[in-house]
Amino acid sequence: MGTIARVLGGALIGMVCTFIFYFIPFVNSIAPLLGGLLGGYYADGGSRGGLKTGVLMTVFMIIPGFLLGGILGSILRDAPVLGGLVAASAFIITIVIVAHTAVIGIIGSVIGAVLAEKETI
């Protein structure tokens, strides 16, 4: 299988695993690290392949994050009293969650790819 296919597959594996790990109590704080680790390990392209996998995983996770944040914001926008505040903060909260996922996921992906590379030597 080609390198691009491994990176794409690793990014998808990392994204799915991260979503699953987010629902497990006490594990959800390191969910992007674990998802990135598994995705990077699958991609197995060294640190450069791990970086590509982590960035692509982040791009894949940005799309549903902003869609869910936008839906939540539009639903709560017309709520009385705190609706406007909640709608405005939905965007900021989404950015914080995506940034957390991006940084930690990329680190995990690079570590996973380096571990896979060391194992093949």
PDB file of N, CA and C in Angstrom:
ATOM      1  N   MET A   1       0.852  -1.171   0.000  1.00  0.00           N
ATOM      2  CA  MET A   1       0.000   0.000   0.000  1.00  0.00           C
ATOM      3  C   MET A   1       0.893   1.226   0.000  1.00  0.00           C
ATOM      4  N   GLY A   2       0.463   2.266  -0.716  1.00  0.00           N
ATOM      5  CA  GLY A   2       1.268   3.470  -0.848  1.00  0.00           C
ATOM      6  C   GLY A   2       1.318   4.299   0.423  1.00  0.00           C
ATOM      7  N   THR A   3       2.260   5.213   0.443  1.00  0.00           N
ATOM      8  CA  THR A   3       2.456   6.061   1.611  1.00  0.00           C
ATOM      9  C   THR A   3       1.256   6.973   1.846  1.00  0.00           C
ATOM     10  N   ILE A   4       0.695   7.521   0.768  1.00  0.00           N
ATOM     11  CA  ILE A   4      -0.454   8.422   0.919  1.00  0.00           C
ATOM     12  C   ILE A   4      -1.642   7.663   1.504  1.00  0.00           C
ATOM     13  N   ALA A   5      -1.840   6.439   1.046  1.00  0.00           N
ATOM     14  CA  ALA A   5      -2.947   5.637   1.566  1.00  0.00           C
ATOM     15  C   ALA A   5      -2.736   5.309   3.044  1.00  0.00           C
ATOM     16  N   ARG A   6      -1.501   5.055   3.446  1.00  0.00           N
ATOM     17  CA  ARG A   6      -1.218   4.768   4.865  1.00  0.00           C
ATOM     18  C   ARG A   6      -1.475   6.002   5.721  1.00  0.00           C
ATOM     19  N   VAL A   7      -1.060   7.176   5.236  1.00  0.00           N
ATOM     20  CA  VAL A   7      -1.282   8.418   5.986  1.00  0.00           C
ATOM     21  C   VAL A   7      -2.774   8.695   6.097  1.00  0.00           C
ATOM     22  N   LEU A   8      -3.496   8.537   5.003  1.00  0.00           N
ATOM     23  CA  LEU A   8      -4.941   8.767   5.016  1.00  0.00           C
ATOM     24  C   LEU A   8      -5.639   7.775   5.933  1.00  0.00           C
ATOM     25  N   GLY A   9      -5.257   6.504   5.833  1.00  0.00           N
ATOM     26  CA  GLY A   9      -5.836   5.483   6.716  1.00  0.00           C
ATOM     27  C   GLY A   9      -5.505   5.745   8.173  1.00  0.00           C
ATOM     28  N   GLY A  10      -4.260   6.140   8.438  1.00  0.00           N
ATOM     29  CA  GLY A  10      -3.864   6.457   9.806  1.00  0.00           C
ATOM     30  C   GLY A  10      -4.642   7.626  10.375  1.00  0.00           C
ATOM     31  N   ALA A  11      -4.874   8.640   9.530  1.00  0.00           N
ATOM     32  CA  ALA A  11      -5.641   9.805   9.988  1.00  0.00           C
ATOM     33  C   ALA A  11      -7.085   9.423  10.305  1.00  0.00           C
ATOM     34  N   LEU A  12      -7.669   8.589   9.469  1.00  0.00           N
ATOM     35  CA  LEU A  12      -9.045   8.153   9.733  1.00  0.00           C
ATOM     36  C   LEU A  12      -9.124   7.271  10.982  1.00  0.00           C
ATOM     37  N   ILE A  13      -8.152   6.379  11.147  1.00  0.00           N
ATOM     38  CA  ILE A  13      -8.109   5.546  12.352  1.00  0.00           C
ATOM     39  C   ILE A  13      -7.932   6.427  13.589  1.00  0.00           C
ATOM     40  N   GLY A  14      -7.032   7.392  13.519  1.00  0.00           N
ATOM     41  CA  GLY A  14      -6.812   8.297  14.641  1.00  0.00           C
ATOM     42  C   GLY A  14      -8.050   9.093  14.998  1.00  0.00           C
ATOM     43  N   MET A  15      -8.770   9.574  13.977  1.00  0.00           N
ATOM     44  CA  MET A  15      -9.971  10.358  14.225  1.00  0.00           C
ATOM     45  C   MET A  15     -11.054   9.506  14.880  1.00  0.00           C
ATOM     46  N   VAL A  16     -11.292   8.319  14.349  1.00  0.00           N
ATOM     47  CA  VAL A  16     -12.337   7.449  14.901  1.00  0.00           C
ATOM     48  C   VAL A  16     -11.988   7.036  16.333  1.00  0.00           C
ATOM     49  N   CYS A  17     -10.745   6.655  16.556  1.00  0.00           N
ATOM     50  CA  CYS A  17     -10.328   6.256  17.908  1.00  0.00           C
ATOM     51  C   CYS A  17     -10.437   7.421  18.890  1.00  0.00           C
ATOM     52  N   THR A  18     -10.078   8.621  18.439  1.00  0.00           N
ATOM     53  CA  THR A  18     -10.198   9.787  19.315  1.00  0.00           C
ATOM     54  C   THR A  18     -11.645  10.029  19.705  1.00  0.00           C
ATOM     55  N   PHE A  19     -12.565   9.946  18.727  1.00  0.00           N
ATOM     56  CA  PHE A  19     -13.985  10.114  19.042  1.00  0.00           C
ATOM     57  C   PHE A  19     -14.450   9.067  20.044  1.00  0.00           C
ATOM     58  N   ILE A  20     -14.037   7.830  19.862  1.00  0.00           N
ATOM     59  CA  ILE A  20     -14.443   6.763  20.784  1.00  0.00           C
ATOM     60  C   ILE A  20     -13.865   7.010  22.176  1.00  0.00           C
ATOM     61  N   PHE A  21     -12.587   7.376  22.238  1.00  0.00           N
ATOM     62  CA  PHE A  21     -11.947   7.612  23.537  1.00  0.00           C
ATOM     63  C   PHE A  21     -12.530   8.822  24.266  1.00  0.00           C
ATOM     64  N   TYR A  22     -13.095   9.778  23.534  1.00  0.00           N
ATOM     65  CA  TYR A  22     -13.712  10.936  24.186  1.00  0.00           C
ATOM     66  C   TYR A  22     -14.909  10.531  25.053  1.00  0.00           C
ATOM     67  N   PHE A  23     -15.521   9.393  24.789  1.00  0.00           N
ATOM     68  CA  PHE A  23     -16.692   8.964  25.545  1.00  0.00           C
ATOM     69  C   PHE A  23     -16.349   8.100  26.751  1.00  0.00           C
ATOM     70  N   ILE A  24     -15.063   7.791  26.951  1.00  0.00           N
ATOM     71  CA  ILE A  24     -14.651   6.956  28.082  1.00  0.00           C
ATOM     72  C   ILE A  24     -14.178   7.861  29.216  1.00  0.00           C
ATOM     73  N   PRO A  25     -14.835   7.795  30.388  1.00  0.00           N
ATOM     74  CA  PRO A  25     -14.429   8.650  31.502  1.00  0.00           C
ATOM     75  C   PRO A  25     -12.970   8.427  31.894  1.00  0.00           C
ATOM     76  N   PHE A  26     -12.315   9.477  32.293  1.00  0.00           N
ATOM     77  CA  PHE A  26     -10.914   9.529  32.717  1.00  0.00           C
ATOM     78  C   PHE A  26      -9.925   9.315  31.567  1.00  0.00           C
ATOM     79  N   VAL A  27     -10.363   8.748  30.480  1.00  0.00           N
ATOM     80  CA  VAL A  27      -9.505   8.565  29.309  1.00  0.00           C
ATOM     81  C   VAL A  27      -9.705   9.733  28.351  1.00  0.00           C
ATOM     82  N   ASN A  28     -10.855  10.406  28.464  1.00  0.00           N
ATOM     83  CA  ASN A  28     -11.187  11.455  27.501  1.00  0.00           C
ATOM     84  C   ASN A  28     -10.217  12.631  27.509  1.00  0.00           C
ATOM     85  N   SER A  29      -9.492  12.852  28.576  1.00  0.00           N
ATOM     86  CA  SER A  29      -8.541  13.970  28.587  1.00  0.00           C
ATOM     87  C   SER A  29      -7.313  13.684  27.733  1.00  0.00           C
ATOM     88  N   ILE A  30      -6.996  12.411  27.539  1.00  0.00           N
ATOM     89  CA  ILE A  30      -5.857  12.064  26.671  1.00  0.00           C
ATOM     90  C   ILE A  30      -6.322  11.355  25.401  1.00  0.00           C
ATOM     91  N   ALA A  31      -7.595  11.489  25.065  1.00  0.00           N
ATOM     92  CA  ALA A  31      -8.146  10.835  23.881  1.00  0.00           C
ATOM     93  C   ALA A  31      -7.394  11.184  22.601  1.00  0.00           C
ATOM     94  N   PRO A  32      -7.058  12.461  22.353  1.00  0.00           N
ATOM     95  CA  PRO A  32      -6.322  12.763  21.117  1.00  0.00           C
ATOM     96  C   PRO A  32      -4.933  12.133  21.087  1.00  0.00           C
ATOM     97  N   LEU A  33      -4.295  12.028  22.243  1.00  0.00           N
ATOM     98  CA  LEU A  33      -2.972  11.406  22.308  1.00  0.00           C
ATOM     99  C   LEU A  33      -3.075   9.932  21.917  1.00  0.00           C
ATOM    100  N   LEU A  34      -4.062   9.235  22.472  1.00  0.00           N
ATOM    101  CA  LEU A  34      -4.233   7.818  22.170  1.00  0.00           C
ATOM    102  C   LEU A  34      -4.654   7.601  20.720  1.00  0.00           C
ATOM    103  N   GLY A  35      -5.593   8.416  20.246  1.00  0.00           N
ATOM    104  CA  GLY A  35      -6.021   8.303  18.848  1.00  0.00           C
ATOM    105  C   GLY A  35      -4.885   8.603  17.884  1.00  0.00           C
ATOM    106  N   GLY A  36      -4.122   9.655  18.176  1.00  0.00           N
ATOM    107  CA  GLY A  36      -2.977   9.995  17.338  1.00  0.00           C
ATOM    108  C   GLY A  36      -1.910   8.914  17.379  1.00  0.00           C
ATOM    109  N   LEU A  37      -1.706   8.334  18.556  1.00  0.00           N
ATOM    110  CA  LEU A  37      -0.729   7.262  18.706  1.00  0.00           C
ATOM    111  C   LEU A  37      -1.091   6.068  17.824  1.00  0.00           C
ATOM    112  N   LEU A  38      -2.350   5.667  17.849  1.00  0.00           N
ATOM    113  CA  LEU A  38      -2.792   4.540  17.023  1.00  0.00           C
ATOM    114  C   LEU A  38      -2.737   4.877  15.533  1.00  0.00           C
ATOM    115  N   GLY A  39      -3.173   6.087  15.182  1.00  0.00           N
ATOM    116  CA  GLY A  39      -3.131   6.496  13.780  1.00  0.00           C
ATOM    117  C   GLY A  39      -1.713   6.614  13.254  1.00  0.00           C
ATOM    118  N   GLY A  40      -0.831   7.196  14.033  1.00  0.00           N
ATOM    119  CA  GLY A  40       0.565   7.328  13.628  1.00  0.00           C
ATOM    120  C   GLY A  40       1.264   5.985  13.542  1.00  0.00           C
ATOM    121  N   TYR A  41       0.925   5.089  14.448  1.00  0.00           N
ATOM    122  CA  TYR A  41       1.521   3.751  14.423  1.00  0.00           C
ATOM    123  C   TYR A  41       1.107   3.020  13.145  1.00  0.00           C
ATOM    124  N   TYR A  42      -0.152   3.184  12.750  1.00  0.00           N
ATOM    125  CA  TYR A  42      -0.621   2.551  11.515  1.00  0.00           C
ATOM    126  C   TYR A  42       0.055   3.174  10.292  1.00  0.00           C
ATOM    127  N   ALA A  43       0.212   4.486  10.294  1.00  0.00           N
ATOM    128  CA  ALA A  43       0.805   5.174   9.141  1.00  0.00           C
ATOM    129  C   ALA A  43       2.260   4.784   8.946  1.00  0.00           C
ATOM    130  N   ASP A  44       2.995   4.618  10.034  1.00  0.00           N
ATOM    131  CA  ASP A  44       4.367   4.108  10.008  1.00  0.00           C
ATOM    132  C   ASP A  44       5.253   4.818   8.982  1.00  0.00           C
ATOM    133  N   GLY A  45       5.367   6.145   9.075  1.00  0.00           N
ATOM    134  CA  GLY A  45       6.218   6.864   8.139  1.00  0.00           C
ATOM    135  C   GLY A  45       7.298   7.651   8.829  1.00  0.00           C
ATOM    136  N   GLY A  46       7.667   7.268  10.027  1.00  0.00           N
ATOM    137  CA  GLY A  46       8.648   8.041  10.770  1.00  0.00           C
ATOM    138  C   GLY A  46       8.017   9.318  11.286  1.00  0.00           C
ATOM    139  N   SER A  47       8.853  10.213  11.748  1.00  0.00           N
ATOM    140  CA  SER A  47       8.314  11.451  12.321  1.00  0.00           C
ATOM    141  C   SER A  47       7.596  12.295  11.267  1.00  0.00           C
ATOM    142  N   ARG A  48       8.083  12.294  10.053  1.00  0.00           N
ATOM    143  CA  ARG A  48       7.434  13.072   8.981  1.00  0.00           C
ATOM    144  C   ARG A  48       6.057  12.494   8.640  1.00  0.00           C
ATOM    145  N   GLY A  49       5.956  11.175   8.533  1.00  0.00           N
ATOM    146  CA  GLY A  49       4.668  10.536   8.276  1.00  0.00           C
ATOM    147  C   GLY A  49       3.707  10.724   9.438  1.00  0.00           C
ATOM    148  N   GLY A  50       4.239  10.680  10.658  1.00  0.00           N
ATOM    149  CA  GLY A  50       3.404  10.919  11.826  1.00  0.00           C
ATOM    150  C   GLY A  50       2.868  12.329  11.869  1.00  0.00           C
ATOM    151  N   LEU A  51       3.696  13.291  11.466  1.00  0.00           N
ATOM    152  CA  LEU A  51       3.253  14.681  11.425  1.00  0.00           C
ATOM    153  C   LEU A  51       2.152  14.860  10.387  1.00  0.00           C
ATOM    154  N   LYS A  52       2.336  14.261   9.216  1.00  0.00           N
ATOM    155  CA  LYS A  52       1.300  14.343   8.172  1.00  0.00           C
ATOM    156  C   LYS A  52       0.003  13.707   8.657  1.00  0.00           C
ATOM    157  N   THR A  53       0.116  12.566   9.300  1.00  0.00           N
ATOM    158  CA  THR A  53      -1.068  11.873   9.807  1.00  0.00           C
ATOM    159  C   THR A  53      -1.781  12.707  10.860  1.00  0.00           C
ATOM    160  N   GLY A  54      -1.022  13.309  11.773  1.00  0.00           N
ATOM    161  CA  GLY A  54      -1.623  14.130  12.821  1.00  0.00           C
ATOM    162  C   GLY A  54      -2.310  15.368  12.276  1.00  0.00           C
ATOM    163  N   VAL A  55      -1.688  16.016  11.305  1.00  0.00           N
ATOM    164  CA  VAL A  55      -2.301  17.216  10.708  1.00  0.00           C
ATOM    165  C   VAL A  55      -3.569  16.834   9.952  1.00  0.00           C
ATOM    166  N   LEU A  56      -3.513  15.750   9.197  1.00  0.00           N
ATOM    167  CA  LEU A  56      -4.687  15.310   8.458  1.00  0.00           C
ATOM    168  C   LEU A  56      -5.805  14.875   9.403  1.00  0.00           C
ATOM    169  N   MET A  57      -5.441  14.219  10.505  1.00  0.00           N
ATOM    170  CA  MET A  57      -6.427  13.842  11.511  1.00  0.00           C
ATOM    171  C   MET A  57      -7.104  15.087  12.081  1.00  0.00           C
ATOM    172  N   THR A  58      -6.319  16.130  12.302  1.00  0.00           N
ATOM    173  CA  THR A  58      -6.863  17.381  12.821  1.00  0.00           C
ATOM    174  C   THR A  58      -7.831  18.001  11.823  1.00  0.00           C
ATOM    175  N   VAL A  59      -7.462  18.000  10.557  1.00  0.00           N
ATOM    176  CA  VAL A  59      -8.352  18.554   9.526  1.00  0.00           C
ATOM    177  C   VAL A  59      -9.662  17.785   9.499  1.00  0.00           C
ATOM    178  N   PHE A  60      -9.581  16.453   9.586  1.00  0.00           N
ATOM    179  CA  PHE A  60     -10.797  15.643   9.605  1.00  0.00           C
ATOM    180  C   PHE A  60     -11.655  15.941  10.831  1.00  0.00           C
ATOM    181  N   MET A  61     -11.038  16.283  11.950  1.00  0.00           N
ATOM    182  CA  MET A  61     -11.789  16.533  13.173  1.00  0.00           C
ATOM    183  C   MET A  61     -12.333  17.956  13.252  1.00  0.00           C
ATOM    184  N   ILE A  62     -11.746  18.882  12.511  1.00  0.00           N
ATOM    185  CA  ILE A  62     -12.218  20.265  12.521  1.00  0.00           C
ATOM    186  C   ILE A  62     -13.620  20.353  11.931  1.00  0.00           C
ATOM    187  N   ILE A  63     -13.861  19.632  10.867  1.00  0.00           N
ATOM    188  CA  ILE A  63     -15.136  19.726  10.158  1.00  0.00           C
ATOM    189  C   ILE A  63     -16.321  19.364  11.056  1.00  0.00           C
ATOM    190  N   PRO A  64     -16.354  18.171  11.683  1.00  0.00           N
ATOM    191  CA  PRO A  64     -17.505  17.892  12.551  1.00  0.00           C
ATOM    192  C   PRO A  64     -17.547  18.773  13.790  1.00  0.00           C
ATOM    193  N   GLY A  65     -16.395  19.198  14.276  1.00  0.00           N
ATOM    194  CA  GLY A  65     -16.375  20.077  15.450  1.00  0.00           C
ATOM    195  C   GLY A  65     -17.083  21.395  15.187  1.00  0.00           C
ATOM    196  N   PHE A  66     -16.764  22.021  14.073  1.00  0.00           N
ATOM    197  CA  PHE A  66     -17.410  23.293  13.765  1.00  0.00           C
ATOM    198  C   PHE A  66     -18.862  23.115  13.347  1.00  0.00           C
ATOM    199  N   LEU A  67     -19.188  21.995  12.708  1.00  0.00           N
ATOM    200  CA  LEU A  67     -20.594  21.739  12.383  1.00  0.00           C
ATOM    201  C   LEU A  67     -21.429  21.589  13.653  1.00  0.00           C
ATOM    202  N   LEU A  68     -20.921  20.795  14.608  1.00  0.00           N
ATOM    203  CA  LEU A  68     -21.660  20.618  15.860  1.00  0.00           C
ATOM    204  C   LEU A  68     -21.740  21.918  16.657  1.00  0.00           C
ATOM    205  N   GLY A  69     -20.635  22.671  16.691  1.00  0.00           N
ATOM    206  CA  GLY A  69     -20.647  23.962  17.381  1.00  0.00           C
ATOM    207  C   GLY A  69     -21.614  24.946  16.744  1.00  0.00           C
ATOM    208  N   GLY A  70     -21.669  24.953  15.423  1.00  0.00           N
ATOM    209  CA  GLY A  70     -22.601  25.837  14.712  1.00  0.00           C
ATOM    210  C   GLY A  70     -24.046  25.449  14.940  1.00  0.00           C
ATOM    211  N   ILE A  71     -24.314  24.146  14.939  1.00  0.00           N
ATOM    212  CA  ILE A  71     -25.679  23.679  15.192  1.00  0.00           C
ATOM    213  C   ILE A  71     -26.103  24.036  16.607  1.00  0.00           C
ATOM    214  N   LEU A  72     -25.216  23.787  17.577  1.00  0.00           N
ATOM    215  CA  LEU A  72     -25.523  24.116  18.967  1.00  0.00           C
ATOM    216  C   LEU A  72     -25.752  25.622  19.127  1.00  0.00           C
ATOM    217  N   GLY A  73     -24.896  26.416  18.518  1.00  0.00           N
ATOM    218  CA  GLY A  73     -25.040  27.869  18.608  1.00  0.00           C
ATOM    219  C   GLY A  73     -26.331  28.361  17.980  1.00  0.00           C
ATOM    220  N   SER A  74     -26.706  27.808  16.830  1.00  0.00           N
ATOM    221  CA  SER A  74     -27.932  28.267  16.169  1.00  0.00           C
ATOM    222  C   SER A  74     -29.181  27.817  16.919  1.00  0.00           C
ATOM    223  N   ILE A  75     -29.128  26.663  17.564  1.00  0.00           N
ATOM    224  CA  ILE A  75     -30.277  26.194  18.343  1.00  0.00           C
ATOM    225  C   ILE A  75     -30.471  27.068  19.580  1.00  0.00           C
ATOM    226  N   LEU A  76     -29.373  27.390  20.260  1.00  0.00           N
ATOM    227  CA  LEU A  76     -29.469  28.119  21.523  1.00  0.00           C
ATOM    228  C   LEU A  76     -29.504  29.633  21.362  1.00  0.00           C
ATOM    229  N   ARG A  77     -29.332  30.129  20.164  1.00  0.00           N
ATOM    230  CA  ARG A  77     -29.277  31.569  19.927  1.00  0.00           C
ATOM    231  C   ARG A  77     -30.552  32.284  20.384  1.00  0.00           C
ATOM    232  N   ASP A  78     -31.696  31.667  20.165  1.00  0.00           N
ATOM    233  CA  ASP A  78     -32.968  32.309  20.503  1.00  0.00           C
ATOM    234  C   ASP A  78     -33.485  31.960  21.890  1.00  0.00           C
ATOM    235  N   ALA A  79     -32.694  31.249  22.676  1.00  0.00           N
ATOM    236  CA  ALA A  79     -33.103  30.918  24.038  1.00  0.00           C
ATOM    237  C   ALA A  79     -33.111  32.192  24.883  1.00  0.00           C
ATOM    238  N   PRO A  80     -34.085  32.316  25.784  1.00  0.00           N
ATOM    239  CA  PRO A  80     -34.148  33.530  26.600  1.00  0.00           C
ATOM    240  C   PRO A  80     -32.972  33.626  27.579  1.00  0.00           C
ATOM    241  N   VAL A  81     -32.656  34.817  27.955  1.00  0.00           N
ATOM    242  CA  VAL A  81     -31.649  35.217  28.934  1.00  0.00           C
ATOM    243  C   VAL A  81     -30.224  34.875  28.482  1.00  0.00           C
ATOM    244  N   LEU A  82     -29.806  33.630  28.552  1.00  0.00           N
ATOM    245  CA  LEU A  82     -28.417  33.279  28.270  1.00  0.00           C
ATOM    246  C   LEU A  82     -28.183  32.747  26.858  1.00  0.00           C
ATOM    247  N   GLY A  83     -29.186  32.759  26.012  1.00  0.00           N
ATOM    248  CA  GLY A  83     -29.063  32.187  24.672  1.00  0.00           C
ATOM    249  C   GLY A  83     -27.948  32.805  23.848  1.00  0.00           C
ATOM    250  N   GLY A  84     -27.870  34.135  23.834  1.00  0.00           N
ATOM    251  CA  GLY A  84     -26.827  34.810  23.062  1.00  0.00           C
ATOM    252  C   GLY A  84     -25.436  34.520  23.582  1.00  0.00           C
ATOM    253  N   LEU A  85     -25.306  34.480  24.889  1.00  0.00           N
ATOM    254  CA  LEU A  85     -24.008  34.186  25.502  1.00  0.00           C
ATOM    255  C   LEU A  85     -23.561  32.762  25.177  1.00  0.00           C
ATOM    256  N   VAL A  86     -24.471  31.821  25.271  1.00  0.00           N
ATOM    257  CA  VAL A  86     -24.143  30.428  24.981  1.00  0.00           C
ATOM    258  C   VAL A  86     -23.817  30.256  23.501  1.00  0.00           C
ATOM    259  N   ALA A  87     -24.575  30.920  22.634  1.00  0.00           N
ATOM    260  CA  ALA A  87     -24.315  30.808  21.199  1.00  0.00           C
ATOM    261  C   ALA A  87     -22.948  31.378  20.844  1.00  0.00           C
ATOM    262  N   ALA A  88     -22.590  32.498  21.445  1.00  0.00           N
ATOM    263  CA  ALA A  88     -21.283  33.099  21.165  1.00  0.00           C
ATOM    264  C   ALA A  88     -20.151  32.251  21.741  1.00  0.00           C
ATOM    265  N   SER A  89     -20.371  31.694  22.902  1.00  0.00           N
ATOM    266  CA  SER A  89     -19.309  30.891  23.512  1.00  0.00           C
ATOM    267  C   SER A  89     -19.160  29.531  22.848  1.00  0.00           C
ATOM    268  N   ALA A  90     -20.161  29.065  22.108  1.00  0.00           N
ATOM    269  CA  ALA A  90     -20.056  27.775  21.421  1.00  0.00           C
ATOM    270  C   ALA A  90     -18.896  27.803  20.429  1.00  0.00           C
ATOM    271  N   PHE A  91     -18.705  28.923  19.754  1.00  0.00           N
ATOM    272  CA  PHE A  91     -17.607  29.060  18.793  1.00  0.00           C
ATOM    273  C   PHE A  91     -16.262  29.019  19.508  1.00  0.00           C
ATOM    274  N   ILE A  92     -16.149  29.724  20.615  1.00  0.00           N
ATOM    275  CA  ILE A  92     -14.889  29.763  21.364  1.00  0.00           C
ATOM    276  C   ILE A  92     -14.575  28.395  21.960  1.00  0.00           C
ATOM    277  N   ILE A  93     -15.577  27.728  22.499  1.00  0.00           N
ATOM    278  CA  ILE A  93     -15.380  26.402  23.072  1.00  0.00           C
ATOM    279  C   ILE A  93     -14.952  25.415  21.989  1.00  0.00           C
ATOM    280  N   THR A  94     -15.548  25.516  20.802  1.00  0.00           N
ATOM    281  CA  THR A  94     -15.173  24.644  19.692  1.00  0.00           C
ATOM    282  C   THR A  94     -13.719  24.863  19.304  1.00  0.00           C
ATOM    283  N   ILE A  95     -13.275  26.107  19.262  1.00  0.00           N
ATOM    284  CA  ILE A  95     -11.875  26.399  18.919  1.00  0.00           C
ATOM    285  C   ILE A  95     -10.929  25.807  19.966  1.00  0.00           C
ATOM    286  N   VAL A  96     -11.281  25.930  21.236  1.00  0.00           N
ATOM    287  CA  VAL A  96     -10.430  25.384  22.304  1.00  0.00           C
ATOM    288  C   VAL A  96     -10.345  23.860  22.192  1.00  0.00           C
ATOM    289  N   ILE A  97     -11.474  23.207  21.959  1.00  0.00           N
ATOM    290  CA  ILE A  97     -11.477  21.744  21.850  1.00  0.00           C
ATOM    291  C   ILE A  97     -10.685  21.291  20.630  1.00  0.00           C
ATOM    292  N   VAL A  98     -10.861  21.983  19.504  1.00  0.00           N
ATOM    293  CA  VAL A  98     -10.125  21.617  18.290  1.00  0.00           C
ATOM    294  C   VAL A  98      -8.627  21.854  18.484  1.00  0.00           C
ATOM    295  N   ALA A  99      -8.244  22.937  19.145  1.00  0.00           N
ATOM    296  CA  ALA A  99      -6.821  23.209  19.386  1.00  0.00           C
ATOM    297  C   ALA A  99      -6.216  22.135  20.293  1.00  0.00           C
ATOM    298  N   HIS A 100      -6.941  21.750  21.335  1.00  0.00           N
ATOM    299  CA  HIS A 100      -6.478  20.680  22.228  1.00  0.00           C
ATOM    300  C   HIS A 100      -6.296  19.385  21.446  1.00  0.00           C
ATOM    301  N   THR A 101      -7.277  19.057  20.636  1.00  0.00           N
ATOM    302  CA  THR A 101      -7.204  17.833  19.840  1.00  0.00           C
ATOM    303  C   THR A 101      -6.059  17.902  18.839  1.00  0.00           C
ATOM    304  N   ALA A 102      -5.856  19.055  18.237  1.00  0.00           N
ATOM    305  CA  ALA A 102      -4.804  19.194  17.224  1.00  0.00           C
ATOM    306  C   ALA A 102      -3.421  19.005  17.830  1.00  0.00           C
ATOM    307  N   VAL A 103      -3.126  19.744  18.872  1.00  0.00           N
ATOM    308  CA  VAL A 103      -1.777  19.700  19.453  1.00  0.00           C
ATOM    309  C   VAL A 103      -1.470  18.329  20.035  1.00  0.00           C
ATOM    310  N   ILE A 104      -2.360  17.821  20.860  1.00  0.00           N
ATOM    311  CA  ILE A 104      -2.127  16.536  21.512  1.00  0.00           C
ATOM    312  C   ILE A 104      -2.170  15.394  20.490  1.00  0.00           C
ATOM    313  N   GLY A 105      -3.073  15.477  19.512  1.00  0.00           N
ATOM    314  CA  GLY A 105      -3.174  14.443  18.487  1.00  0.00           C
ATOM    315  C   GLY A 105      -1.943  14.374  17.601  1.00  0.00           C
ATOM    316  N   ILE A 106      -1.388  15.527  17.233  1.00  0.00           N
ATOM    317  CA  ILE A 106      -0.181  15.540  16.406  1.00  0.00           C
ATOM    318  C   ILE A 106       0.997  14.961  17.180  1.00  0.00           C
ATOM    319  N   ILE A 107       1.112  15.321  18.450  1.00  0.00           N
ATOM    320  CA  ILE A 107       2.188  14.754  19.278  1.00  0.00           C
ATOM    321  C   ILE A 107       2.056  13.230  19.354  1.00  0.00           C
ATOM    322  N   GLY A 108       0.848  12.745  19.608  1.00  0.00           N
ATOM    323  CA  GLY A 108       0.620  11.303  19.683  1.00  0.00           C
ATOM    324  C   GLY A 108       0.894  10.608  18.359  1.00  0.00           C
ATOM    325  N   SER A 109       0.529  11.241  17.267  1.00  0.00           N
ATOM    326  CA  SER A 109       0.742  10.657  15.954  1.00  0.00           C
ATOM    327  C   SER A 109       2.227  10.532  15.619  1.00  0.00           C
ATOM    328  N   VAL A 110       2.998  11.555  15.949  1.00  0.00           N
ATOM    329  CA  VAL A 110       4.440  11.499  15.706  1.00  0.00           C
ATOM    330  C   VAL A 110       5.079  10.410  16.572  1.00  0.00           C
ATOM    331  N   ILE A 111       4.679  10.326  17.836  1.00  0.00           N
ATOM    332  CA  ILE A 111       5.226   9.285  18.723  1.00  0.00           C
ATOM    333  C   ILE A 111       4.873   7.895  18.193  1.00  0.00           C
ATOM    334  N   GLY A 112       3.618   7.708  17.764  1.00  0.00           N
ATOM    335  CA  GLY A 112       3.204   6.412  17.231  1.00  0.00           C
ATOM    336  C   GLY A 112       3.970   6.021  15.982  1.00  0.00           C
ATOM    337  N   ALA A 113       4.193   6.980  15.082  1.00  0.00           N
ATOM    338  CA  ALA A 113       4.928   6.677  13.851  1.00  0.00           C
ATOM    339  C   ALA A 113       6.389   6.362  14.142  1.00  0.00           C
ATOM    340  N   VAL A 114       6.988   7.074  15.086  1.00  0.00           N
ATOM    341  CA  VAL A 114       8.387   6.800  15.450  1.00  0.00           C
ATOM    342  C   VAL A 114       8.497   5.428  16.097  1.00  0.00           C
ATOM    343  N   LEU A 115       7.528   5.066  16.948  1.00  0.00           N
ATOM    344  CA  LEU A 115       7.539   3.735  17.561  1.00  0.00           C
ATOM    345  C   LEU A 115       7.396   2.640  16.523  1.00  0.00           C
ATOM    346  N   ALA A 116       6.538   2.859  15.539  1.00  0.00           N
ATOM    347  CA  ALA A 116       6.374   1.866  14.473  1.00  0.00           C
ATOM    348  C   ALA A 116       7.643   1.746  13.646  1.00  0.00           C
ATOM    349  N   GLU A 117       8.319   2.862  13.409  1.00  0.00           N
ATOM    350  CA  GLU A 117       9.554   2.852  12.634  1.00  0.00           C
ATOM    351  C   GLU A 117      10.659   2.102  13.383  1.00  0.00           C
ATOM    352  N   LYS A 118      10.744   2.318  14.684  1.00  0.00           N
ATOM    353  CA  LYS A 118      11.772   1.636  15.497  1.00  0.00           C
ATOM    354  C   LYS A 118      11.529   0.132  15.539  1.00  0.00           C
ATOM    355  N   GLU A 119      10.249  -0.260  15.512  1.00  0.00           N
ATOM    356  CA  GLU A 119       9.920  -1.681  15.587  1.00  0.00           C
ATOM    357  C   GLU A 119      10.305  -2.406  14.295  1.00  0.00           C
ATOM    358  N   THR A 120      10.259  -1.726  13.167  1.00  0.00           N
ATOM    359  CA  THR A 120      10.570  -2.368  11.897  1.00  0.00           C
ATOM    360  C   THR A 120      12.068  -2.485  11.643  1.00  0.00           C
ATOM    361  N   ILE A 121      12.879  -1.786  12.408  1.00  0.00           N
ATOM    362  CA  ILE A 121      14.331  -1.828  12.201  1.00  0.00           C
ATOM    363  C   ILE A 121      14.914  -3.103  12.749  1.00  0.00           C
TER     364      ILE A 121
END
